[in-house]
Amino acid sequence: MPKFAANLSMLFTEQPFLDRFAAAREAGFDAVEFLFPYAFDPDQIADRLHRHQLKLVLHNMPCGDWNAGDRGMACDPRRSDEFRDGVQLAIDFATELEVTRLHCMAGKVPHGLDLERARETYIGNLQFAADQCRKHGIDVMIEPINSYDMPGYFLNRSQQALDIMAACDRPNLLLQYDIYHMQRMEGELANTIRAHLPRIGHMQLADTPGRHEPGTGEIHYPFLFKLLDELGYDGWIGCEYNPRAGTTEGLGWLKQL
C-alpha cells in the first residue's frame, strides 16, 4: 500500500494550523506536508513534529505574496534576486525541520513576457535552487498545475516539466506528479506514471470534479494504488484535497486501505 501524508494546508482546517499535527496523528497519518511554514518559527513546527512523531515530507519554497495572487516567481526575470533569497530561506527551514524535498513553484507568466524568456529564467533559477539544495541533501520538486484552477501558471503538463528537467540537467531536480492536476490537463495517468516513475520524487492526490477525497469523482484510485505497488513506488503521496464534508468524516477511503 502506498504511503500517505496529510496535507495540513487543506486537511484538518477546522483547527488552527499548529493543532493539525495532533489531528493528523490521531487520524493515523505518519507523515505530513503543507504549503508554507514561513508564518511560524521553525521551532514551533519542529516541536509538533517531534511531539506527535510525524515526518515532514514536503513544503514549498517562498512564492511571493499568495494573498495578492502570487503563485511563485521562478519564471519572472524581474524577481530573480527575490527568488534566490527565498531559496536560502527555504533551505534554512528545511534543515531545521529535517525535510528533504522542497517544491519550487514556477509562477504565473508576467503580462507581456515572451514565453521563451520565461522558460530561460525558470531553467536558470531551477539550476541555482538545485545546486544550493544539493549541498544540504535536498531535492527540488517541480509540479505541473492545471490551467483551469490556476490560469496563467507557467508549468501545466508533465512532458513540459520533463523537458525542463532535462534542460536543467540536475540530478536532484524531480517531478512532483499531482494526479488531480494531470487528470484535468492530460489524463493518461497510468501510462505516464509507468513511463516516468524514476523521475517522480513525490506524488499528490485528489479526485475530480471538485478536488475532493478519492472515491468522490472519476479517477479510479484503487487501480492506481495497485499500479504504484506493482511498480515499486516507495515515495509519499500527499493528500492535497478539499474535504467534501469535514476532514475526519471524509477519511473512509483511507480506512478501507
Foldseek 3Di string as FASTA:
>chain_A
DFAEAEALQAAPPVDPSLCVLQVCLVLPHQEYEYEDDVVDDLVSVLVSCVVSNHAYAEYEFDQPDVVVPTQRCQLPPVCLVVLLVSLVVVLVSCVSRVYQEYEHFLTFDPPPDDLVSSLVSNLVSVLSSLVVSVVVNHAYEYEAAACVVPPRRNHHEDVVQVVSCVVSPHPRYAYEAEPASHCVRPPPVLVVCLVCVVRHAEYEYAEPDPQEHPPPHDDPVVVVVVSCVVSVDHHYYYHPGHHPPHNSVRCPVVVVD
